[in-house]
Amino acid sequence: MVPEESGNSFMPPTLAKGKQIREVQDVVRGFEHLGYITDPSLATVIFLGVKLGKPVLLEGHAGLGKTEVGKVLAAFLGTRLIRLQCYEGLDVNSAVYEWNYQKQLLAIKIEEGTSETVEEKEKHIFSREFLMERPLLQAIQAEDISPVLLVDEVDRADEAFEAFLLELLSDFQISIPELGTIRARHVPFVILTSNRSRELSDALKRRCLYHWIEYPSLEKELQIVTARLPGIEEVLGRQVVTFVQAARKLHLSKSPGVAETLDWAQALMSLGRHKLDAPSAEATLGCLSKSVEDAAKIKAAGLEELISEVR
């Protein structure tokens, strides 16, 4: 850890040893090799995030692969993935650091009979030995290589926690009252995701490169299905994707994402289906629709009619 008074300057972001990213196409090819089909705009924002050491904020509907970007980026760079899953009520103790109170109490008990002063005892129990590091603190303490920090579903956390993130995202440092300011030796590559359940602050957005992930086109979604499920038959894959694309036009309360497309295709493969039919679609509709109301809308549109259009 580097205390505030040390005056050390920031080190630039570093990549995994031996990994060189010279152009956007390196990202496109690298992600595709790992089974993630990207597009020029998303690949460009990832490339710039890595080259500039800037956080990347990905927004979009649930199930479109935002979280997967962080996972694939870590694998692509050959570095460690540190994930912080956000939720309502998330606080500093869960996200940044916490003192090991039981260990501190034991140390105080042991030191009761020593000749150390109160100041010396206090300095000891508030040292790194008793510090429990949480994801955000872990991310800025990498010794040799920049990790990927995935702050997942940041919109689920409250505004107070979002405000706390600003220091980390702008200066890549964290202030701990007992220890001072801890600065990153190697700036982490930060990916933030949001399903937009609430509007994020302008202050947070200003610190990030931004990209909105939209529902993929039919051909791109078919590429994704083929890449993630290499054993799927071409006819079944195209029918599943075409059906899902049609279902998204039915104004469902929760349109199926790519994650649901993959789940449904895999379920049909597991049942030994070679093509889509109404009985199979109805039996596995729970893979595609996550509410009784949406399932009713899909059935009301007519499974036979939708499958006929697919064919």
Protein backbone atom coordinates (compact mmCIF):
# COMPACT_ATOMS: atom_id res chain seq x y z
CA MET A 1 0.00 0.00 0.00
CA VAL A 2 1.19 3.51 -0.80
CA PRO A 3 0.29 6.08 1.88
CA GLU A 4 -0.84 9.52 0.82
CA GLU A 5 2.23 11.29 2.12
CA SER A 6 4.56 9.21 -0.04
CA GLY A 7 3.88 11.36 -3.10
CA ASN A 8 4.25 8.44 -5.51
CA SER A 9 2.81 9.19 -8.94
CA PHE A 10 0.39 6.89 -10.69
CA MET A 11 1.76 4.12 -12.86
CA PRO A 12 0.08 3.72 -16.25
CA PRO A 13 -2.28 0.83 -16.90
CA THR A 14 -0.47 -2.37 -17.78
CA LEU A 15 -1.53 -5.33 -19.89
CA ALA A 16 -0.91 -8.99 -19.28
CA LYS A 17 2.63 -10.07 -20.10
CA GLY A 18 3.02 -10.82 -23.77
CA LYS A 19 -0.40 -9.42 -24.70
CA GLN A 20 -0.34 -6.62 -27.24
CA ILE A 21 -3.45 -4.84 -28.51
CA ARG A 22 -2.55 -2.67 -31.46
CA GLU A 23 -5.94 -2.14 -33.07
CA VAL A 24 -9.67 -2.66 -32.67
CA GLN A 25 -9.58 -5.82 -34.80
CA ASP A 26 -7.35 -7.44 -32.16
CA VAL A 27 -10.27 -7.13 -29.75
CA VAL A 28 -12.79 -8.42 -32.30
CA ARG A 29 -10.67 -11.48 -33.11
CA GLY A 30 -9.64 -12.12 -29.51
CA PHE A 31 -13.21 -11.98 -28.19
CA GLU A 32 -14.50 -14.14 -31.02
CA HIS A 33 -11.83 -16.74 -30.24
CA LEU A 34 -13.23 -16.85 -26.70
CA GLY A 35 -16.80 -17.28 -27.94
CA TYR A 36 -17.99 -13.67 -27.62
CA ILE A 37 -19.26 -12.10 -30.84
CA THR A 38 -18.81 -8.35 -30.67
CA ASP A 39 -19.34 -5.52 -33.18
CA PRO A 40 -17.15 -2.59 -34.25
CA SER A 41 -18.68 -0.06 -31.84
CA LEU A 42 -18.40 -2.29 -28.76
CA ALA A 43 -14.94 -3.48 -29.74
CA THR A 44 -13.85 0.14 -30.18
CA VAL A 45 -15.00 1.23 -26.72
CA ILE A 46 -13.27 -1.80 -25.15
CA PHE A 47 -10.08 -1.04 -27.09
CA LEU A 48 -10.13 2.60 -25.96
CA GLY A 49 -10.86 1.61 -22.36
CA VAL A 50 -7.76 -0.58 -22.35
CA LYS A 51 -5.50 1.86 -24.18
CA LEU A 52 -6.58 4.94 -22.21
CA GLY A 53 -7.08 3.26 -18.84
CA LYS A 54 -10.64 4.62 -18.72
CA PRO A 55 -13.60 2.87 -17.06
CA VAL A 56 -16.20 1.54 -19.50
CA LEU A 57 -19.90 1.79 -18.64
CA LEU A 58 -22.11 -0.72 -20.47
CA GLU A 59 -25.87 -0.24 -20.36
CA GLY A 60 -28.63 -2.25 -21.97
CA HIS A 61 -31.43 -4.68 -21.29
CA ALA A 62 -30.75 -7.71 -19.13
CA GLY A 63 -29.33 -10.83 -20.76
CA LEU A 64 -27.41 -9.16 -23.58
CA GLY A 65 -23.88 -10.08 -22.47
CA LYS A 66 -22.75 -7.02 -20.49
CA THR A 67 -21.35 -9.05 -17.60
CA GLU A 68 -19.73 -11.44 -20.04
CA VAL A 69 -17.67 -8.56 -21.49
CA GLY A 70 -15.79 -8.24 -18.18
CA LYS A 71 -15.20 -11.98 -17.95
CA VAL A 72 -14.01 -12.29 -21.54
CA LEU A 73 -11.82 -9.19 -21.26
CA ALA A 74 -9.99 -10.71 -18.28
CA ALA A 75 -9.47 -13.98 -20.18
CA PHE A 76 -8.38 -12.08 -23.29
CA LEU A 77 -5.80 -10.03 -21.38
CA GLY A 78 -4.69 -13.02 -19.33
CA THR A 79 -5.26 -11.19 -16.09
CA ARG A 80 -7.28 -11.60 -12.91
CA LEU A 81 -11.02 -10.86 -12.81
CA ILE A 82 -12.28 -9.15 -9.66
CA ARG A 83 -16.08 -8.93 -9.55
CA LEU A 84 -18.25 -6.76 -7.34
CA GLN A 85 -21.94 -7.68 -7.59
CA CYS A 86 -23.97 -4.63 -6.59
CA TYR A 87 -27.23 -4.75 -4.65
CA GLU A 88 -29.44 -2.40 -2.65
CA GLY A 89 -27.77 -1.55 0.65
CA LEU A 90 -24.23 -2.33 -0.55
CA ASP A 91 -21.82 -0.51 1.76
CA VAL A 92 -18.09 0.14 2.22
CA ASN A 93 -17.64 -2.90 4.48
CA SER A 94 -18.81 -5.25 1.73
CA ALA A 95 -17.25 -3.47 -1.24
CA VAL A 96 -13.99 -1.92 -0.04
CA TYR A 97 -12.60 -3.05 3.30
CA GLU A 98 -13.48 -4.19 6.79
CA TRP A 99 -11.50 -4.52 9.99
CA ASN A 100 -11.19 -8.00 11.48
CA TYR A 101 -12.73 -7.08 14.82
CA GLN A 102 -12.37 -10.52 16.39
CA LYS A 103 -8.66 -10.61 15.56
CA GLN A 104 -8.28 -7.04 16.85
CA LEU A 105 -9.97 -7.92 20.16
CA LEU A 106 -7.68 -10.93 20.55
CA ALA A 107 -4.62 -8.75 19.87
CA ILE A 108 -5.80 -6.21 22.44
CA LYS A 109 -6.24 -9.00 25.00
CA ILE A 110 -2.73 -10.36 24.32
CA GLU A 111 -1.15 -6.89 24.57
CA GLU A 112 -2.82 -6.00 27.88
CA GLY A 113 0.21 -7.04 29.86
CA THR A 114 2.83 -5.43 27.63
CA SER A 115 4.63 -2.14 28.19
CA GLU A 116 3.52 -0.65 24.85
CA THR A 117 1.80 2.72 24.89
CA VAL A 118 -1.82 3.18 23.85
CA GLU A 119 -0.64 4.82 20.62
CA GLU A 120 1.59 1.86 19.78
CA LYS A 121 -1.18 -0.63 20.47
CA GLU A 122 -3.62 1.36 18.35
CA LYS A 123 -1.14 1.58 15.48
CA HIS A 124 -0.70 -2.18 15.60
CA ILE A 125 -4.38 -3.17 15.58
CA PHE A 126 -5.10 -0.77 12.71
CA SER A 127 -2.33 -2.15 10.51
CA ARG A 128 -2.61 -4.23 7.35
CA GLU A 129 -2.45 -7.40 9.41
CA PHE A 130 -6.05 -6.78 10.54
CA LEU A 131 -7.43 -5.40 7.27
CA MET A 132 -9.90 -7.55 5.31
CA GLU A 133 -9.75 -6.52 1.66
CA ARG A 134 -12.94 -6.46 -0.38
CA PRO A 135 -13.16 -6.30 -4.22
CA LEU A 136 -12.54 -2.57 -4.75
CA LEU A 137 -9.47 -2.50 -2.50
CA GLN A 138 -8.17 -5.73 -4.04
CA ALA A 139 -8.45 -4.18 -7.50
CA ILE A 140 -6.08 -1.29 -6.78
CA GLN A 141 -3.49 -3.35 -4.92
CA ALA A 142 -2.34 -5.54 -7.81
CA GLU A 143 1.42 -5.91 -7.53
CA ASP A 144 2.49 -6.80 -11.07
CA ILE A 145 -0.41 -6.54 -13.53
CA SER A 146 -3.65 -4.61 -13.99
CA PRO A 147 -6.69 -6.75 -13.10
CA VAL A 148 -10.13 -6.38 -14.64
CA LEU A 149 -12.58 -4.93 -12.12
CA LEU A 150 -16.18 -5.80 -12.98
CA VAL A 151 -18.70 -3.64 -11.09
CA ASP A 152 -21.84 -5.53 -12.05
CA GLU A 153 -25.34 -3.98 -12.04
CA VAL A 154 -24.20 -0.71 -10.49
CA ASP A 155 -27.74 0.62 -10.89
CA ARG A 156 -28.87 -1.75 -8.13
CA ALA A 157 -26.68 0.02 -5.55
CA ASP A 158 -27.95 3.23 -3.99
CA GLU A 159 -26.78 6.73 -4.87
CA ALA A 160 -24.59 7.00 -1.75
CA PHE A 161 -22.46 4.07 -2.88
CA GLU A 162 -22.37 5.40 -6.43
CA ALA A 163 -20.93 8.64 -5.02
CA PHE A 164 -18.24 6.66 -3.19
CA LEU A 165 -17.16 5.12 -6.50
CA LEU A 166 -16.24 8.53 -7.92
CA GLU A 167 -12.89 8.73 -6.10
CA LEU A 168 -11.92 5.29 -7.36
CA LEU A 169 -12.96 5.95 -10.96
CA SER A 170 -11.35 9.38 -11.25
CA ASP A 171 -8.12 8.98 -9.25
CA PHE A 172 -7.90 5.20 -8.78
CA GLN A 173 -7.38 5.61 -5.06
CA ILE A 174 -9.26 4.77 -1.87
CA SER A 175 -9.14 6.69 1.40
CA ILE A 176 -9.10 4.70 4.64
CA PRO A 177 -9.18 6.96 7.73
CA GLU A 178 -6.82 4.78 9.80
CA LEU A 179 -4.27 4.23 7.00
CA GLY A 180 -4.52 7.25 4.70
CA THR A 181 -4.98 7.18 0.94
CA ILE A 182 -4.12 4.00 -0.94
CA ARG A 183 -3.27 4.56 -4.60
CA ALA A 184 -3.25 2.01 -7.38
CA ARG A 185 0.16 0.80 -8.52
CA HIS A 186 -1.42 -0.52 -11.69
CA VAL A 187 -4.69 1.05 -12.77
CA PRO A 188 -7.34 -1.67 -13.11
CA PHE A 189 -9.38 -2.06 -16.28
CA VAL A 190 -12.88 -1.21 -15.03
CA ILE A 191 -16.11 -2.47 -16.59
CA LEU A 192 -19.36 -1.20 -15.07
CA THR A 193 -22.70 -2.67 -16.14
CA SER A 194 -26.21 -1.31 -15.69
CA ASN A 195 -29.66 -2.60 -16.64
CA ARG A 196 -30.88 0.99 -16.22
CA SER A 197 -33.32 0.22 -13.41
CA ARG A 198 -32.51 3.80 -12.37
CA GLU A 199 -30.65 6.68 -13.97
CA LEU A 200 -26.98 6.88 -13.01
CA SER A 201 -25.49 10.24 -12.06
CA ASP A 202 -23.82 12.52 -14.58
CA ALA A 203 -20.71 12.54 -12.38
CA LEU A 204 -20.34 8.78 -12.75
CA LYS A 205 -20.97 8.83 -16.49
CA ARG A 206 -18.43 11.61 -17.05
CA ARG A 207 -15.69 9.37 -15.70
CA CYS A 208 -16.49 6.56 -18.11
CA LEU A 209 -16.54 5.67 -21.76
CA TYR A 210 -20.15 4.76 -22.54
CA HIS A 211 -21.76 2.11 -24.73
CA TRP A 212 -25.37 0.97 -25.06
CA ILE A 213 -25.76 -2.72 -25.95
CA GLU A 214 -28.82 -3.25 -28.14
CA TYR A 215 -30.61 -6.46 -29.04
CA PRO A 216 -28.57 -8.12 -31.81
CA SER A 217 -29.70 -8.53 -35.39
CA LEU A 218 -30.84 -11.96 -36.52
CA GLU A 219 -27.53 -12.76 -38.21
CA LYS A 220 -25.44 -11.59 -35.27
CA GLU A 221 -27.56 -13.55 -32.78
CA LEU A 222 -27.21 -16.62 -34.98
CA GLN A 223 -23.44 -16.12 -34.91
CA ILE A 224 -23.57 -15.95 -31.12
CA VAL A 225 -25.62 -19.14 -30.84
CA THR A 226 -23.29 -20.97 -33.23
CA ALA A 227 -20.21 -19.77 -31.33
CA ARG A 228 -21.54 -20.68 -27.90
CA LEU A 229 -23.28 -23.90 -28.95
CA PRO A 230 -21.02 -25.33 -31.68
CA GLY A 231 -22.96 -28.62 -31.77
CA ILE A 232 -26.30 -27.06 -32.72
CA GLU A 233 -27.76 -27.97 -36.10
CA GLU A 234 -28.04 -25.07 -38.52
CA VAL A 235 -31.79 -25.46 -39.05
CA LEU A 236 -32.61 -25.54 -35.33
CA GLY A 237 -30.31 -22.63 -34.58
CA ARG A 238 -31.85 -20.39 -37.23
CA GLN A 239 -35.42 -21.36 -36.22
CA VAL A 240 -34.76 -20.61 -32.55
CA VAL A 241 -33.18 -17.24 -33.27
CA THR A 242 -35.92 -16.25 -35.73
CA PHE A 243 -38.62 -17.22 -33.20
CA VAL A 244 -36.95 -15.16 -30.46
CA GLN A 245 -36.61 -12.17 -32.78
CA ALA A 246 -40.37 -12.41 -33.47
CA ALA A 247 -41.18 -12.76 -29.76
CA ARG A 248 -39.34 -9.50 -29.02
CA LYS A 249 -41.89 -7.68 -31.20
CA LEU A 250 -44.81 -8.77 -28.97
CA HIS A 251 -44.29 -5.96 -26.40
CA LEU A 252 -43.48 -8.34 -23.56
CA SER A 253 -42.78 -6.97 -20.09
CA LYS A 254 -39.38 -8.67 -20.24
CA SER A 255 -38.20 -9.39 -23.74
CA PRO A 256 -35.90 -12.41 -23.94
CA GLY A 257 -32.22 -11.58 -24.13
CA VAL A 258 -29.43 -13.50 -25.78
CA ALA A 259 -29.00 -15.45 -22.54
CA GLU A 260 -32.55 -16.78 -22.90
CA THR A 261 -31.95 -17.63 -26.56
CA LEU A 262 -28.94 -19.72 -25.59
CA ASP A 263 -30.81 -21.41 -22.73
CA TRP A 264 -33.72 -22.29 -25.01
CA ALA A 265 -31.51 -23.59 -27.81
CA GLN A 266 -29.53 -25.70 -25.35
CA ALA A 267 -32.75 -27.09 -23.84
CA LEU A 268 -34.05 -28.14 -27.26
CA MET A 269 -30.71 -29.75 -28.08
CA SER A 270 -30.83 -31.65 -24.77
CA LEU A 271 -34.27 -32.97 -25.72
CA GLY A 272 -32.85 -34.26 -29.01
CA ARG A 273 -34.85 -31.88 -31.20
CA HIS A 274 -33.57 -31.23 -34.72
CA LYS A 275 -36.12 -28.56 -35.57
CA LEU A 276 -38.63 -26.37 -33.78
CA ASP A 277 -42.21 -27.60 -33.36
CA ALA A 278 -45.19 -26.35 -31.34
CA PRO A 279 -45.21 -29.09 -28.64
CA SER A 280 -41.49 -28.63 -27.96
CA ALA A 281 -41.82 -24.84 -27.93
CA GLU A 282 -44.69 -24.95 -25.44
CA ALA A 283 -42.94 -27.48 -23.19
CA THR A 284 -39.76 -25.38 -23.01
CA LEU A 285 -41.31 -21.91 -23.03
CA GLY A 286 -40.07 -21.38 -19.47
CA CYS A 287 -36.55 -21.08 -20.85
CA LEU A 288 -37.63 -18.12 -22.97
CA SER A 289 -40.31 -16.38 -20.93
CA LYS A 290 -39.86 -15.60 -17.24
CA SER A 291 -43.41 -14.58 -16.34
CA VAL A 292 -46.86 -16.10 -16.76
CA GLU A 293 -48.09 -12.92 -18.46
CA ASP A 294 -45.36 -12.96 -21.11
CA ALA A 295 -45.87 -16.68 -21.70
CA ALA A 296 -49.58 -16.01 -22.23
CA LYS A 297 -48.79 -13.27 -24.79
CA ILE A 298 -46.53 -15.62 -26.74
CA LYS A 299 -49.19 -18.35 -26.70
CA ALA A 300 -51.88 -15.84 -27.69
CA ALA A 301 -49.81 -14.88 -30.72
CA GLY A 302 -50.03 -18.55 -31.69
CA LEU A 303 -47.08 -20.93 -31.42
CA GLU A 304 -48.05 -22.67 -34.66
CA GLU A 305 -48.32 -19.32 -36.47
CA LEU A 306 -44.96 -18.10 -35.14
CA ILE A 307 -43.25 -21.36 -36.07
CA SER A 308 -44.83 -21.26 -39.53
CA GLU A 309 -43.34 -17.80 -40.02
CA VAL A 310 -39.98 -19.12 -38.82
CA ARG A 311 -40.09 -21.92 -41.39
